[in-house]
Amino acid sequence: MIWSMMSFTELPLSFWGYALETAARLLSIAPSKTMARTPYQIWHGKPASYKYLRVWGSPAYVKRLVGDKLDSRSSLCRFIGYPKETVGYYFYNPFEQKVFSQGMQCSWKDIFQRIPDAMNCSLRNQVRHSVECRDIVCAYYFH
């Protein structure tokens, strides 16, 4: 699995460790005919979500966190894995030759789905909270 992942990308062979970690994660959440539950279900007690999965080595435009107003707002990177300690992605920037991780950010859809639950909870408990408004942006775009 790792060899096929490495052969279909333009990434150097030094990234085989990231390919190994990604393959291990995919195998732990993949369903099997021989087992009733996946290793992920055994460890976490719930089925895994597949909506965050991405193709290994695929190009992604990652939003820059700092920069001048005239600089580009995103840079073309390659997806190389999933961090263990946070929810997000590992990216490789070939122009700067750096590997970095970037966490996931909320989308408007997620926020609008949580508003009724938060309002019902605050009405039940008769608690009112002041909420700080912040801009919500996409951190990356896969194509």
Protein backbone atom coordinates (compact mmCIF):
# COMPACT_ATOMS: atom_id res chain seq x y z
CA MET A 1 0.00 0.00 0.00
CA ILE A 2 2.82 2.39 0.87
CA TRP A 3 4.71 1.66 -2.34
CA SER A 4 1.64 2.43 -4.45
CA MET A 5 1.03 5.65 -2.49
CA MET A 6 4.61 6.77 -3.08
CA SER A 7 4.66 5.79 -6.77
CA PHE A 8 1.64 7.92 -7.71
CA THR A 9 3.00 11.19 -6.32
CA GLU A 10 5.90 13.48 -7.10
CA LEU A 11 7.00 13.54 -3.46
CA PRO A 12 10.54 12.46 -2.51
CA LEU A 13 11.10 9.00 -1.01
CA SER A 14 11.93 10.62 2.34
CA PHE A 15 8.15 10.93 2.92
CA TRP A 16 7.67 7.17 3.27
CA GLY A 17 7.14 7.63 7.03
CA TYR A 18 4.14 9.88 6.43
CA ALA A 19 2.81 7.35 3.91
CA LEU A 20 3.20 4.58 6.51
CA GLU A 21 1.28 6.54 9.17
CA THR A 22 -1.49 7.36 6.70
CA ALA A 23 -1.75 3.73 5.57
CA ALA A 24 -1.98 2.57 9.19
CA ARG A 25 -4.77 5.06 9.87
CA LEU A 26 -6.67 3.98 6.75
CA LEU A 27 -6.35 0.30 7.62
CA SER A 28 -7.61 0.91 11.18
CA ILE A 29 -10.84 2.54 9.95
CA ALA A 30 -11.46 0.37 6.87
CA PRO A 31 -14.27 -2.19 7.22
CA SER A 32 -13.48 -5.86 6.74
CA LYS A 33 -15.57 -8.93 5.88
CA THR A 34 -13.77 -11.07 8.46
CA MET A 35 -14.22 -8.70 11.42
CA ALA A 36 -17.52 -7.32 12.66
CA ARG A 37 -15.91 -4.12 13.96
CA THR A 38 -12.91 -2.08 12.86
CA PRO A 39 -9.98 -1.40 15.21
CA TYR A 40 -11.16 2.23 15.38
CA GLN A 41 -14.60 1.10 16.61
CA ILE A 42 -13.02 -1.10 19.26
CA TRP A 43 -10.80 1.73 20.55
CA HIS A 44 -13.31 4.58 20.40
CA GLY A 45 -16.66 2.79 20.72
CA LYS A 46 -18.15 4.44 17.62
CA PRO A 47 -17.75 4.06 13.86
CA ALA A 48 -15.16 6.24 12.13
CA SER A 49 -16.09 9.24 10.02
CA TYR A 50 -14.83 9.14 6.44
CA LYS A 51 -15.68 12.71 5.46
CA TYR A 52 -12.27 14.10 6.43
CA LEU A 53 -10.24 11.61 4.36
CA ARG A 54 -8.13 12.98 1.52
CA VAL A 55 -6.02 11.44 -1.25
CA TRP A 56 -2.42 11.13 -0.11
CA GLY A 57 -0.09 13.43 -2.07
CA SER A 58 -2.93 15.45 -3.57
CA PRO A 59 -2.46 19.19 -4.12
CA ALA A 60 -4.14 21.54 -1.68
CA TYR A 61 -4.25 25.30 -1.41
CA VAL A 62 -3.46 26.15 2.21
CA LYS A 63 -4.30 29.55 3.61
CA ARG A 64 -1.30 31.48 4.88
CA LEU A 65 -1.65 32.62 8.47
CA VAL A 66 0.61 35.66 8.15
CA GLY A 67 1.78 37.82 5.31
CA ASP A 68 1.61 41.20 3.63
CA LYS A 69 -1.53 42.50 2.02
CA LEU A 70 0.00 42.13 -1.43
CA ASP A 71 1.19 38.54 -0.92
CA SER A 72 -0.92 35.65 -2.10
CA ARG A 73 -3.40 34.44 0.51
CA SER A 74 -2.72 30.75 -0.06
CA SER A 75 0.08 28.51 -1.19
CA LEU A 76 0.03 25.30 -3.19
CA CYS A 77 1.04 22.40 -0.95
CA ARG A 78 0.75 18.61 -0.91
CA PHE A 79 -1.32 16.64 1.59
CA ILE A 80 0.87 14.07 3.37
CA GLY A 81 -1.01 12.87 6.43
CA TYR A 82 -3.03 13.33 9.58
CA PRO A 83 -1.52 14.51 12.90
CA LYS A 84 -2.05 12.20 15.87
CA GLU A 85 -2.42 14.88 18.52
CA THR A 86 -4.91 17.20 16.79
CA VAL A 87 -7.68 17.14 14.22
CA GLY A 88 -6.24 18.44 10.99
CA TYR A 89 -3.82 17.65 8.19
CA TYR A 90 -0.07 17.55 7.49
CA PHE A 91 1.03 19.49 4.43
CA TYR A 92 4.31 19.76 2.55
CA ASN A 93 5.20 23.06 0.92
CA PRO A 94 7.61 22.23 -1.93
CA PHE A 95 8.66 25.86 -2.46
CA GLU A 96 9.74 26.37 1.16
CA GLN A 97 10.56 22.65 1.61
CA LYS A 98 8.72 22.56 4.95
CA VAL A 99 6.23 20.17 6.53
CA PHE A 100 3.57 21.70 8.74
CA SER A 101 0.22 20.81 10.23
CA GLN A 102 -2.90 22.88 10.17
CA GLY A 103 -6.01 22.18 12.21
CA MET A 104 -9.55 22.06 10.94
CA GLN A 105 -11.79 25.06 11.35
CA CYS A 106 -15.55 25.23 11.66
CA SER A 107 -17.77 25.88 8.68
CA TRP A 108 -21.00 27.85 8.61
CA LYS A 109 -22.95 24.62 8.21
CA ASP A 110 -21.51 23.23 11.46
CA ILE A 111 -22.31 26.43 13.31
CA PHE A 112 -25.90 26.64 12.07
CA GLN A 113 -26.48 23.02 13.06
CA ARG A 114 -25.28 23.73 16.62
CA ILE A 115 -27.25 26.96 17.17
CA PRO A 116 -30.62 25.30 18.01
CA ASP A 117 -28.97 22.95 20.52
CA ALA A 118 -27.13 25.81 22.20
CA MET A 119 -30.28 27.93 22.34
CA ASN A 120 -32.36 25.09 23.79
CA CYS A 121 -29.70 24.40 26.41
CA SER A 122 -29.48 28.05 27.45
CA LEU A 123 -33.29 28.38 27.57
CA ARG A 124 -33.62 25.25 29.69
CA ASN A 125 -30.95 26.44 32.09
CA GLN A 126 -32.09 30.08 31.89
CA VAL A 127 -28.54 31.13 31.13
CA ARG A 128 -27.55 33.83 28.66
CA HIS A 129 -24.10 34.04 27.15
CA SER A 130 -22.47 36.84 25.25
CA VAL A 131 -20.74 35.43 22.21
CA GLU A 132 -17.79 37.03 20.50
CA CYS A 133 -18.32 37.18 16.73
CA ARG A 134 -15.40 36.01 14.61
CA ASP A 135 -14.87 35.48 10.91
CA ILE A 136 -14.92 31.89 9.81
CA VAL A 137 -12.68 30.97 6.91
CA CYS A 138 -11.63 27.82 5.14
CA ALA A 139 -8.07 26.89 5.99
CA TYR A 140 -7.46 24.83 2.88
CA TYR A 141 -9.00 23.81 -0.42
CA PHE A 142 -8.39 20.41 -2.01
CA HIS A 143 -8.82 19.95 -5.74
